[in-house]
C-alpha atoms as a PDB file:
ATOM      1  CA  UNK A   1     -12.798 -12.586  -6.971  1.00  0.00           C
ATOM      2  CA  UNK A   2     -10.097 -15.087  -5.564  1.00  0.00           C
ATOM      3  CA  UNK A   3      -9.726 -12.975  -2.456  1.00  0.00           C
ATOM      4  CA  UNK A   4     -13.568 -13.270  -1.742  1.00  0.00           C
ATOM      5  CA  UNK A   5     -13.584 -16.914  -2.373  1.00  0.00           C
ATOM      6  CA  UNK A   6     -10.555 -17.169   0.329  1.00  0.00           C
ATOM      7  CA  UNK A   7     -12.593 -15.195   2.756  1.00  0.00           C
ATOM      8  CA  UNK A   8     -15.255 -17.584   2.742  1.00  0.00           C
ATOM      9  CA  UNK A   9     -13.292 -20.276   4.380  1.00  0.00           C
ATOM     10  CA  UNK A  10     -15.381 -21.822   7.588  1.00  0.00           C
ATOM     11  CA  UNK A  11     -12.210 -21.658   9.846  1.00  0.00           C
ATOM     12  CA  UNK A  12     -13.401 -17.961  10.265  1.00  0.00           C
ATOM     13  CA  UNK A  13     -16.237 -19.070  12.326  1.00  0.00           C
ATOM     14  CA  UNK A  14     -14.093 -20.437  15.311  1.00  0.00           C
ATOM     15  CA  UNK A  15     -14.410 -18.960  18.828  1.00  0.00           C
ATOM     16  CA  UNK A  16     -11.768 -16.398  20.111  1.00  0.00           C
ATOM     17  CA  UNK A  17      -8.921 -17.768  21.741  1.00  0.00           C
ATOM     18  CA  UNK A  18      -8.687 -17.377  25.611  1.00  0.00           C
ATOM     19  CA  UNK A  19      -6.374 -14.255  26.901  1.00  0.00           C
ATOM     20  CA  UNK A  20      -3.371 -16.485  27.549  1.00  0.00           C
ATOM     21  CA  UNK A  21       0.139 -16.165  26.075  1.00  0.00           C
ATOM     22  CA  UNK A  22       0.998 -18.234  23.118  1.00  0.00           C
ATOM     23  CA  UNK A  23       2.925 -21.345  23.734  1.00  0.00           C
ATOM     24  CA  UNK A  24       5.691 -22.948  21.387  1.00  0.00           C
ATOM     25  CA  UNK A  25       4.186 -26.436  22.802  1.00  0.00           C
ATOM     26  CA  UNK A  26       0.634 -25.683  22.597  1.00  0.00           C
ATOM     27  CA  UNK A  27      -1.299 -28.621  20.911  1.00  0.00           C
ATOM     28  CA  UNK A  28      -3.660 -26.470  19.509  1.00  0.00           C
ATOM     29  CA  UNK A  29      -3.323 -25.418  15.920  1.00  0.00           C
ATOM     30  CA  UNK A  30      -4.396 -22.147  14.887  1.00  0.00           C
ATOM     31  CA  UNK A  31      -4.560 -20.431  11.338  1.00  0.00           C
ATOM     32  CA  UNK A  32      -3.853 -16.998  11.167  1.00  0.00           C
ATOM     33  CA  UNK A  33      -5.438 -15.078   8.443  1.00  0.00           C
ATOM     34  CA  UNK A  34      -3.451 -12.086   6.909  1.00  0.00           C
ATOM     35  CA  UNK A  35      -5.358 -10.023   4.498  1.00  0.00           C
ATOM     36  CA  UNK A  36      -3.032  -7.972   2.243  1.00  0.00           C
ATOM     37  CA  UNK A  37      -4.297  -5.638  -0.837  1.00  0.00           C
ATOM     38  CA  UNK A  38      -0.942  -4.553  -2.110  1.00  0.00           C
ATOM     39  CA  UNK A  39       1.200  -5.646  -4.976  1.00  0.00           C
ATOM     40  CA  UNK A  40       2.855  -9.144  -5.503  1.00  0.00           C
ATOM     41  CA  UNK A  41       6.048  -8.071  -3.874  1.00  0.00           C
ATOM     42  CA  UNK A  42       4.094  -7.346  -0.653  1.00  0.00           C
ATOM     43  CA  UNK A  43       2.244 -10.618  -0.868  1.00  0.00           C
ATOM     44  CA  UNK A  44       5.566 -12.483  -1.087  1.00  0.00           C
ATOM     45  CA  UNK A  45       6.699 -10.492   1.998  1.00  0.00           C
ATOM     46  CA  UNK A  46       3.818 -11.560   4.079  1.00  0.00           C
ATOM     47  CA  UNK A  47       4.509 -15.156   2.719  1.00  0.00           C
ATOM     48  CA  UNK A  48       8.187 -15.064   3.829  1.00  0.00           C
ATOM     49  CA  UNK A  49       7.256 -13.401   7.146  1.00  0.00           C
ATOM     50  CA  UNK A  50       4.575 -16.076   7.735  1.00  0.00           C
ATOM     51  CA  UNK A  51       7.069 -18.972   7.316  1.00  0.00           C
ATOM     52  CA  UNK A  52       9.603 -17.128   9.694  1.00  0.00           C
ATOM     53  CA  UNK A  53       6.688 -16.810  12.301  1.00  0.00           C
ATOM     54  CA  UNK A  54       5.572 -20.619  11.852  1.00  0.00           C
ATOM     55  CA  UNK A  55       9.237 -21.615  12.670  1.00  0.00           C
ATOM     56  CA  UNK A  56       8.763 -19.754  16.092  1.00  0.00           C
ATOM     57  CA  UNK A  57       5.321 -21.036  16.799  1.00  0.00           C
ATOM     58  CA  UNK A  58       4.944 -24.345  15.025  1.00  0.00           C
ATOM     59  CA  UNK A  59       1.305 -24.499  16.088  1.00  0.00           C
ATOM     60  CA  UNK A  60       0.528 -21.400  14.261  1.00  0.00           C
ATOM     61  CA  UNK A  61      -0.189 -21.558  10.531  1.00  0.00           C
ATOM     62  CA  UNK A  62      -0.195 -18.172   8.767  1.00  0.00           C
ATOM     63  CA  UNK A  63      -2.627 -17.954   5.427  1.00  0.00           C
ATOM     64  CA  UNK A  64      -2.059 -14.928   3.272  1.00  0.00           C
ATOM     65  CA  UNK A  65      -5.273 -13.819   1.735  1.00  0.00           C
ATOM     66  CA  UNK A  66      -4.118 -11.628  -1.236  1.00  0.00           C
ATOM     67  CA  UNK A  67      -6.353  -9.040  -3.137  1.00  0.00           C
ATOM     68  CA  UNK A  68      -3.782  -7.387  -5.667  1.00  0.00           C
ATOM     69  CA  UNK A  69      -4.175  -3.650  -5.628  1.00  0.00           C
ATOM     70  CA  UNK A  70      -7.258  -3.769  -3.309  1.00  0.00           C
ATOM     71  CA  UNK A  71      -9.924  -4.537  -6.163  1.00  0.00           C
ATOM     72  CA  UNK A  72     -12.304  -6.026  -3.510  1.00  0.00           C
ATOM     73  CA  UNK A  73     -11.481  -3.757  -0.703  1.00  0.00           C
ATOM     74  CA  UNK A  74     -14.887  -2.329  -0.543  1.00  0.00           C
ATOM     75  CA  UNK A  75     -16.581  -5.722  -0.485  1.00  0.00           C
ATOM     76  CA  UNK A  76     -14.174  -7.318   2.131  1.00  0.00           C
ATOM     77  CA  UNK A  77     -14.569  -4.121   4.310  1.00  0.00           C
ATOM     78  CA  UNK A  78     -18.329  -4.516   4.041  1.00  0.00           C
ATOM     79  CA  UNK A  79     -17.825  -8.017   5.221  1.00  0.00           C
ATOM     80  CA  UNK A  80     -15.819  -7.116   8.198  1.00  0.00           C
ATOM     81  CA  UNK A  81     -18.231  -4.564   9.175  1.00  0.00           C
ATOM     82  CA  UNK A  82     -21.135  -6.992   8.848  1.00  0.00           C
ATOM     83  CA  UNK A  83     -19.280  -9.543  10.915  1.00  0.00           C
ATOM     84  CA  UNK A  84     -18.763  -7.169  13.685  1.00  0.00           C
ATOM     85  CA  UNK A  85     -22.328  -5.960  13.880  1.00  0.00           C
ATOM     86  CA  UNK A  86     -23.583  -9.681  13.818  1.00  0.00           C
ATOM     87  CA  UNK A  87     -20.968 -10.462  16.716  1.00  0.00           C
ATOM     88  CA  UNK A  88     -19.209 -13.047  14.655  1.00  0.00           C
ATOM     89  CA  UNK A  89     -15.666 -13.695  13.901  1.00  0.00           C
ATOM     90  CA  UNK A  90     -13.716 -11.553  11.579  1.00  0.00           C
ATOM     91  CA  UNK A  91     -12.845 -12.854   8.216  1.00  0.00           C
ATOM     92  CA  UNK A  92      -9.275 -12.361   8.823  1.00  0.00           C
ATOM     93  CA  UNK A  93      -6.879 -11.454  11.739  1.00  0.00           C
ATOM     94  CA  UNK A  94      -4.347  -9.081  10.695  1.00  0.00           C
ATOM     95  CA  UNK A  95      -4.273  -6.466   7.642  1.00  0.00           C
ATOM     96  CA  UNK A  96      -2.395  -3.639   6.036  1.00  0.00           C
ATOM     97  CA  UNK A  97      -5.559  -2.920   3.778  1.00  0.00           C
ATOM     98  CA  UNK A  98      -6.188   0.693   2.542  1.00  0.00           C
ATOM     99  CA  UNK A  99      -9.463   0.657   4.491  1.00  0.00           C
ATOM    100  CA  UNK A 100      -7.707   0.883   7.853  1.00  0.00           C
ATOM    101  CA  UNK A 101      -8.177   4.604   8.515  1.00  0.00           C
ATOM    102  CA  UNK A 102     -11.899   4.039   7.609  1.00  0.00           C
ATOM    103  CA  UNK A 103     -12.156   1.510  10.256  1.00  0.00           C
ATOM    104  CA  UNK A 104     -10.379   3.681  12.872  1.00  0.00           C
ATOM    105  CA  UNK A 105     -12.944   6.276  12.735  1.00  0.00           C
ATOM    106  CA  UNK A 106     -15.643   3.608  13.862  1.00  0.00           C
ATOM    107  CA  UNK A 107     -13.303   2.004  16.500  1.00  0.00           C
ATOM    108  CA  UNK A 108     -13.177  -1.198  14.445  1.00  0.00           C
ATOM    109  CA  UNK A 109      -9.596  -2.193  15.327  1.00  0.00           C
ATOM    110  CA  UNK A 110      -7.896  -3.638  18.351  1.00  0.00           C
ATOM    111  CA  UNK A 111      -6.248  -0.967  20.474  1.00  0.00           C
ATOM    112  CA  UNK A 112      -2.580  -1.794  20.517  1.00  0.00           C
ATOM    113  CA  UNK A 113      -0.136  -0.866  23.089  1.00  0.00           C
ATOM    114  CA  UNK A 114       3.524  -1.810  24.123  1.00  0.00           C
ATOM    115  CA  UNK A 115       2.418  -4.571  26.542  1.00  0.00           C
ATOM    116  CA  UNK A 116       1.335  -6.637  23.954  1.00  0.00           C
ATOM    117  CA  UNK A 117       3.691  -5.452  21.254  1.00  0.00           C
ATOM    118  CA  UNK A 118       6.968  -4.299  22.922  1.00  0.00           C
ATOM    119  CA  UNK A 119       8.153  -2.387  19.781  1.00  0.00           C
ATOM    120  CA  UNK A 120       5.375  -0.012  19.947  1.00  0.00           C
ATOM    121  CA  UNK A 121       7.341   2.139  22.396  1.00  0.00           C
ATOM    122  CA  UNK A 122       9.618   2.736  19.520  1.00  0.00           C
ATOM    123  CA  UNK A 123       6.844   4.030  17.326  1.00  0.00           C
ATOM    124  CA  UNK A 124       6.466   7.861  16.805  1.00  0.00           C
ATOM    125  CA  UNK A 125       3.752   8.872  19.369  1.00  0.00           C
ATOM    126  CA  UNK A 126       2.466  11.205  16.456  1.00  0.00           C
ATOM    127  CA  UNK A 127       1.666   8.249  14.441  1.00  0.00           C
ATOM    128  CA  UNK A 128       0.058   6.293  16.932  1.00  0.00           C
ATOM    129  CA  UNK A 129      -2.094   9.294  17.943  1.00  0.00           C
ATOM    130  CA  UNK A 130      -2.942   9.906  14.205  1.00  0.00           C
ATOM    131  CA  UNK A 131      -4.045   6.137  13.890  1.00  0.00           C
ATOM    132  CA  UNK A 132      -6.346   6.417  17.231  1.00  0.00           C
ATOM    133  CA  UNK A 133      -4.023   3.748  18.826  1.00  0.00           C
ATOM    134  CA  UNK A 134      -5.462   1.033  16.464  1.00  0.00           C
ATOM    135  CA  UNK A 135      -2.521   0.341  14.204  1.00  0.00           C
ATOM    136  CA  UNK A 136       1.388  -0.189  13.977  1.00  0.00           C
ATOM    137  CA  UNK A 137       3.837   0.629  11.058  1.00  0.00           C
ATOM    138  CA  UNK A 138       5.634  -2.369   9.864  1.00  0.00           C
ATOM    139  CA  UNK A 139       7.225  -0.837   6.776  1.00  0.00           C
ATOM    140  CA  UNK A 140       7.855   2.443   5.173  1.00  0.00           C
ATOM    141  CA  UNK A 141       7.792   3.497   1.389  1.00  0.00           C
ATOM    142  CA  UNK A 142       7.424   6.295  -0.980  1.00  0.00           C
ATOM    143  CA  UNK A 143       7.158   6.875  -4.454  1.00  0.00           C
ATOM    144  CA  UNK A 144      10.418   7.781  -6.309  1.00  0.00           C
ATOM    145  CA  UNK A 145      11.441   8.736  -9.875  1.00  0.00           C
ATOM    146  CA  UNK A 146      13.391   6.117 -11.698  1.00  0.00           C
ATOM    147  CA  UNK A 147      15.565   6.673 -14.876  1.00  0.00           C
ATOM    148  CA  UNK A 148      18.224   5.168 -17.003  1.00  0.00           C
ATOM    149  CA  UNK A 149      21.411   6.965 -16.422  1.00  0.00           C
ATOM    150  CA  UNK A 150      22.774   5.445 -19.628  1.00  0.00           C
ATOM    151  CA  UNK A 151      20.349   7.603 -21.603  1.00  0.00           C
ATOM    152  CA  UNK A 152      19.266  10.254 -19.316  1.00  0.00           C
ATOM    153  CA  UNK A 153      22.411  12.298 -18.214  1.00  0.00           C
ATOM    154  CA  UNK A 154      20.431  15.183 -16.469  1.00  0.00           C
ATOM    155  CA  UNK A 155      17.307  13.841 -14.797  1.00  0.00           C
ATOM    156  CA  UNK A 156      14.673  16.308 -13.724  1.00  0.00           C
ATOM    157  CA  UNK A 157      14.551  17.249 -10.146  1.00  0.00           C
ATOM    158  CA  UNK A 158      11.113  19.017  -9.962  1.00  0.00           C
ATOM    159  CA  UNK A 159       7.933  17.995 -11.073  1.00  0.00           C
ATOM    160  CA  UNK A 160       7.842  20.910 -13.637  1.00  0.00           C
ATOM    161  CA  UNK A 161      11.199  19.788 -15.101  1.00  0.00           C
ATOM    162  CA  UNK A 162       9.707  16.206 -15.220  1.00  0.00           C
ATOM    163  CA  UNK A 163       6.587  17.292 -17.222  1.00  0.00           C
ATOM    164  CA  UNK A 164       8.916  19.304 -19.594  1.00  0.00           C
ATOM    165  CA  UNK A 165      11.131  16.095 -19.918  1.00  0.00           C
ATOM    166  CA  UNK A 166       8.183  13.897 -20.806  1.00  0.00           C
ATOM    167  CA  UNK A 167       6.804  16.335 -23.556  1.00  0.00           C
ATOM    168  CA  UNK A 168      10.579  16.689 -24.944  1.00  0.00           C
ATOM    169  CA  UNK A 169      10.952  13.093 -24.967  1.00  0.00           C
ATOM    170  CA  UNK A 170       7.654  11.279 -26.083  1.00  0.00           C
ATOM    171  CA  UNK A 171       7.348   7.560 -25.540  1.00  0.00           C
ATOM    172  CA  UNK A 172      10.052   7.274 -23.200  1.00  0.00           C
ATOM    173  CA  UNK A 173       7.957   7.655 -19.741  1.00  0.00           C
ATOM    174  CA  UNK A 174       4.955   5.772 -18.376  1.00  0.00           C
ATOM    175  CA  UNK A 175       3.258   5.382 -15.144  1.00  0.00           C
ATOM    176  CA  UNK A 176       1.088   2.576 -14.121  1.00  0.00           C
ATOM    177  CA  UNK A 177      -2.596   2.731 -14.150  1.00  0.00           C
ATOM    178  CA  UNK A 178      -3.633   4.569 -10.922  1.00  0.00           C
ATOM    179  CA  UNK A 179      -6.397   1.905 -10.281  1.00  0.00           C
ATOM    180  CA  UNK A 180      -3.654  -0.728 -10.265  1.00  0.00           C
ATOM    181  CA  UNK A 181      -0.746   0.580  -8.359  1.00  0.00           C
ATOM    182  CA  UNK A 182       0.452   3.590  -6.050  1.00  0.00           C
ATOM    183  CA  UNK A 183       3.248   4.674  -8.300  1.00  0.00           C
ATOM    184  CA  UNK A 184       1.041   5.731 -11.077  1.00  0.00           C
ATOM    185  CA  UNK A 185      -1.626   7.047  -8.478  1.00  0.00           C
ATOM    186  CA  UNK A 186       1.210   9.328  -7.062  1.00  0.00           C
ATOM    187  CA  UNK A 187       2.368  10.813 -10.352  1.00  0.00           C
ATOM    188  CA  UNK A 188      -1.509  11.483 -11.200  1.00  0.00           C
ATOM    189  CA  UNK A 189      -2.145  13.081  -7.762  1.00  0.00           C
ATOM    190  CA  UNK A 190       1.226  15.258  -8.079  1.00  0.00           C
ATOM    191  CA  UNK A 191       0.107  16.644 -11.472  1.00  0.00           C
ATOM    192  CA  UNK A 192      -3.480  16.960 -10.358  1.00  0.00           C
ATOM    193  CA  UNK A 193      -2.362  19.176  -7.433  1.00  0.00           C
ATOM    194  CA  UNK A 194       0.192  21.336  -9.149  1.00  0.00           C
ATOM    195  CA  UNK A 195      -0.017  24.986  -8.104  1.00  0.00           C
ATOM    196  CA  UNK A 196      -3.079  24.036  -5.770  1.00  0.00           C
ATOM    197  CA  UNK A 197      -2.638  26.103  -2.696  1.00  0.00           C
ATOM    198  CA  UNK A 198      -1.694  24.197   0.565  1.00  0.00           C
ATOM    199  CA  UNK A 199      -4.698  25.183   2.373  1.00  0.00           C
ATOM    200  CA  UNK A 200      -6.888  23.776  -0.281  1.00  0.00           C
ATOM    201  CA  UNK A 201      -4.972  20.513  -0.747  1.00  0.00           C
ATOM    202  CA  UNK A 202      -5.322  20.027   3.125  1.00  0.00           C
ATOM    203  CA  UNK A 203      -9.101  20.430   2.782  1.00  0.00           C
ATOM    204  CA  UNK A 204      -9.435  18.158  -0.268  1.00  0.00           C
ATOM    205  CA  UNK A 205      -7.534  15.516   1.826  1.00  0.00           C
ATOM    206  CA  UNK A 206      -9.819  15.975   4.910  1.00  0.00           C
ATOM    207  CA  UNK A 207     -11.865  12.726   4.997  1.00  0.00           C
ATOM    208  CA  UNK A 208     -13.933  13.753   7.887  1.00  0.00           C
ATOM    209  CA  UNK A 209     -15.226  17.064   6.132  1.00  0.00           C
ATOM    210  CA  UNK A 210     -14.870  16.546   2.546  1.00  0.00           C
ATOM    211  CA  UNK A 211     -15.890  19.507   0.428  1.00  0.00           C
ATOM    212  CA  UNK A 212     -16.647  18.540  -3.219  1.00  0.00           C
ATOM    213  CA  UNK A 213     -17.110  22.114  -4.454  1.00  0.00           C
ATOM    214  CA  UNK A 214     -13.227  22.454  -4.331  1.00  0.00           C
ATOM    215  CA  UNK A 215     -12.585  19.984  -6.888  1.00  0.00           C
ATOM    216  CA  UNK A 216     -12.684  22.749  -9.391  1.00  0.00           C
ATOM    217  CA  UNK A 217      -9.144  23.599  -7.901  1.00  0.00           C
ATOM    218  CA  UNK A 218      -7.807  20.719 -10.027  1.00  0.00           C
ATOM    219  CA  UNK A 219      -9.909  20.828 -13.226  1.00  0.00           C
ATOM    220  CA  UNK A 220      -7.032  22.754 -15.458  1.00  0.00           C
ATOM    221  CA  UNK A 221      -4.309  20.055 -14.330  1.00  0.00           C
ATOM    222  CA  UNK A 222      -6.635  17.098 -15.059  1.00  0.00           C
ATOM    223  CA  UNK A 223      -7.038  18.505 -18.450  1.00  0.00           C
ATOM    224  CA  UNK A 224      -3.377  18.707 -18.899  1.00  0.00           C
ATOM    225  CA  UNK A 225      -2.716  15.370 -17.467  1.00  0.00           C
ATOM    226  CA  UNK A 226      -5.000  14.104 -20.224  1.00  0.00           C
ATOM    227  CA  UNK A 227      -3.149  16.016 -22.900  1.00  0.00           C
ATOM    228  CA  UNK A 228       0.023  14.190 -21.526  1.00  0.00           C
ATOM    229  CA  UNK A 229      -1.234  10.876 -22.694  1.00  0.00           C
ATOM    230  CA  UNK A 230       0.059  11.466 -26.340  1.00  0.00           C
ATOM    231  CA  UNK A 231       3.673  11.610 -24.806  1.00  0.00           C
ATOM    232  CA  UNK A 232       3.289   8.531 -22.759  1.00  0.00           C
ATOM    233  CA  UNK A 233       4.691   5.100 -23.764  1.00  0.00           C
ATOM    234  CA  UNK A 234       2.952   3.847 -26.838  1.00  0.00           C
ATOM    235  CA  UNK A 235       0.833   7.010 -26.956  1.00  0.00           C
ATOM    236  CA  UNK A 236      -0.944   6.328 -23.872  1.00  0.00           C
ATOM    237  CA  UNK A 237      -0.288   2.785 -22.491  1.00  0.00           C
ATOM    238  CA  UNK A 238      -0.598   2.652 -18.801  1.00  0.00           C
ATOM    239  CA  UNK A 239       1.046  -0.405 -17.410  1.00  0.00           C
ATOM    240  CA  UNK A 240      -1.089  -2.626 -15.275  1.00  0.00           C
ATOM    241  CA  UNK A 241       0.811  -2.207 -11.922  1.00  0.00           C
ATOM    242  CA  UNK A 242       3.830  -1.363 -10.165  1.00  0.00           C
ATOM    243  CA  UNK A 243       5.721  -4.786 -11.062  1.00  0.00           C
ATOM    244  CA  UNK A 244       4.922  -4.065 -15.044  1.00  0.00           C
ATOM    245  CA  UNK A 245       6.495  -0.595 -14.765  1.00  0.00           C
ATOM    246  CA  UNK A 246       9.621  -2.201 -13.643  1.00  0.00           C
ATOM    247  CA  UNK A 247       9.662  -4.782 -16.428  1.00  0.00           C
ATOM    248  CA  UNK A 248       9.306  -2.034 -18.910  1.00  0.00           C
ATOM    249  CA  UNK A 249      12.340  -0.027 -17.297  1.00  0.00           C
ATOM    250  CA  UNK A 250      14.245  -3.455 -17.299  1.00  0.00           C
ATOM    251  CA  UNK A 251      13.421  -4.053 -20.919  1.00  0.00           C
ATOM    252  CA  UNK A 252      14.601  -0.604 -22.034  1.00  0.00           C
ATOM    253  CA  UNK A 253      10.943   0.097 -23.358  1.00  0.00           C
ATOM    254  CA  UNK A 254      10.775   3.244 -21.415  1.00  0.00           C
ATOM    255  CA  UNK A 255      13.816   5.390 -19.929  1.00  0.00           C
ATOM    256  CA  UNK A 256      12.013   7.082 -16.863  1.00  0.00           C
ATOM    257  CA  UNK A 257       9.057   6.062 -14.512  1.00  0.00           C
ATOM    258  CA  UNK A 258       7.585   6.673 -11.190  1.00  0.00           C
ATOM    259  CA  UNK A 259       8.161   3.418  -8.913  1.00  0.00           C
ATOM    260  CA  UNK A 260       8.028   2.576  -5.278  1.00  0.00           C
ATOM    261  CA  UNK A 261      11.209   2.945  -3.348  1.00  0.00           C
ATOM    262  CA  UNK A 262      11.248  -0.478  -1.702  1.00  0.00           C
ATOM    263  CA  UNK A 263      10.158  -2.309  -4.650  1.00  0.00           C
ATOM    264  CA  UNK A 264      12.702  -0.965  -6.991  1.00  0.00           C
ATOM    265  CA  UNK A 265      15.333  -1.115  -4.452  1.00  0.00           C
ATOM    266  CA  UNK A 266      14.717  -4.946  -4.233  1.00  0.00           C
ATOM    267  CA  UNK A 267      14.555  -5.193  -7.809  1.00  0.00           C
ATOM    268  CA  UNK A 268      17.933  -3.588  -8.319  1.00  0.00           C
ATOM    269  CA  UNK A 269      19.384  -5.722  -5.481  1.00  0.00           C
ATOM    270  CA  UNK A 270      17.960  -8.922  -7.042  1.00  0.00           C
ATOM    271  CA  UNK A 271      19.430  -7.837 -10.573  1.00  0.00           C
ATOM    272  CA  UNK A 272      15.889  -7.392 -11.953  1.00  0.00           C
ATOM    273  CA  UNK A 273      16.679  -4.083 -12.811  1.00  0.00           C
ATOM    274  CA  UNK A 274      19.959  -3.028 -14.816  1.00  0.00           C
ATOM    275  CA  UNK A 275      22.536  -1.019 -12.746  1.00  0.00           C
ATOM    276  CA  UNK A 276      22.042   1.886 -15.017  1.00  0.00           C
ATOM    277  CA  UNK A 277      18.482   2.505 -13.341  1.00  0.00           C
ATOM    278  CA  UNK A 278      18.972   5.082 -10.878  1.00  0.00           C
ATOM    279  CA  UNK A 279      16.407   6.177  -8.162  1.00  0.00           C
ATOM    280  CA  UNK A 280      15.924   9.939  -7.121  1.00  0.00           C
ATOM    281  CA  UNK A 281      13.566  11.872  -4.961  1.00  0.00           C
ATOM    282  CA  UNK A 282      12.062  15.132  -6.475  1.00  0.00           C
ATOM    283  CA  UNK A 283      12.531  18.519  -4.692  1.00  0.00           C
ATOM    284  CA  UNK A 284       8.890  18.234  -3.695  1.00  0.00           C
ATOM    285  CA  UNK A 285       8.668  14.342  -3.160  1.00  0.00           C
ATOM    286  CA  UNK A 286       5.734  12.259  -4.490  1.00  0.00           C
ATOM    287  CA  UNK A 287       3.869  10.846  -1.587  1.00  0.00           C
ATOM    288  CA  UNK A 288       4.893   8.207   0.762  1.00  0.00           C
ATOM    289  CA  UNK A 289       4.300   6.900   4.495  1.00  0.00           C
ATOM    290  CA  UNK A 290       4.574   4.516   6.885  1.00  0.00           C
ATOM    291  CA  UNK A 291       2.288   1.272   6.077  1.00  0.00           C
ATOM    292  CA  UNK A 292       0.395   0.103   9.201  1.00  0.00           C
ATOM    293  CA  UNK A 293      -1.163  -3.108  10.413  1.00  0.00           C
ATOM    294  CA  UNK A 294      -4.459  -3.589  12.459  1.00  0.00           C
ATOM    295  CA  UNK A 295      -6.230  -6.277  13.911  1.00  0.00           C
ATOM    296  CA  UNK A 296      -9.985  -6.361  13.947  1.00  0.00           C
ATOM    297  CA  UNK A 297     -11.691  -6.453  17.341  1.00  0.00           C
ATOM    298  CA  UNK A 298     -13.521  -9.489  16.457  1.00  0.00           C
ATOM    299  CA  UNK A 299     -10.593 -11.524  15.194  1.00  0.00           C
ATOM    300  CA  UNK A 300     -10.716 -15.030  16.486  1.00  0.00           C
ATOM    301  CA  UNK A 301      -7.058 -15.118  17.059  1.00  0.00           C
ATOM    302  CA  UNK A 302      -6.108 -11.777  18.871  1.00  0.00           C
ATOM    303  CA  UNK A 303      -3.087 -12.901  20.624  1.00  0.00           C
ATOM    304  CA  UNK A 304      -1.606 -14.765  17.767  1.00  0.00           C
ATOM    305  CA  UNK A 305      -2.206 -11.590  15.454  1.00  0.00           C
ATOM    306  CA  UNK A 306      -0.377  -9.301  18.223  1.00  0.00           C
ATOM    307  CA  UNK A 307       2.514 -11.802  18.372  1.00  0.00           C
END
């Protein structure tokens, strides 16, 4: 993997910085490694933010390590855990990776506070508590339904209506491979949990005490999801990521899809999607949340990471 190769760079083995404020005029040159496991639009976001940060702190270079859709997350998390156990510097300094909650349970990240990060005082206390004071949100997004208003005059407003629309309009809807993008994963999860009692859903989502016996609650829904394959674009073609779904919408190959709110809004603003594409939230929304950042306790550059 490219990301794994990047993580092997020798600059990860430098000694931690002293606990002193950052200085614009410092002669010390530091490379701050940011690990992202999202889609290409988030890679670009960090690249842009890194360039802006470098202007404020010329002695700090920001290196974005990108692992699209988190395909190497398990291996990278294992490397981080191994580095902490061995007392060595972490392979990156800041991350928004999907394994942040896993690391929170073992106290892997720096405890963040408003003294080091002043805007922490603006963050919901509930979020801070839920993340055990080890993460701070930097953006928020949710999966929404995108449709072509030129061809779809009465878009569905509920998941049940959406499913009926898909069956009545074969080949006009698609979602990306859940392994390649959250917008597809959100659709799969929503269908899998249709009609499942809220208490059972909560138990299924409990990472600390997961009960595999409850999985039978979604077996019929998974069979139904499989049966929808024939009604998808090209009889079951699943786009290879969030970006490819937007491209299919832009080309008019499909008329409706699940998309990320931030990514699709940016595409509309940039003219990458036609103005006829509209975004709506279903009555019971697809999932969404604040996306956090965390700093490994054994980062070589904690002060720069906090800044």
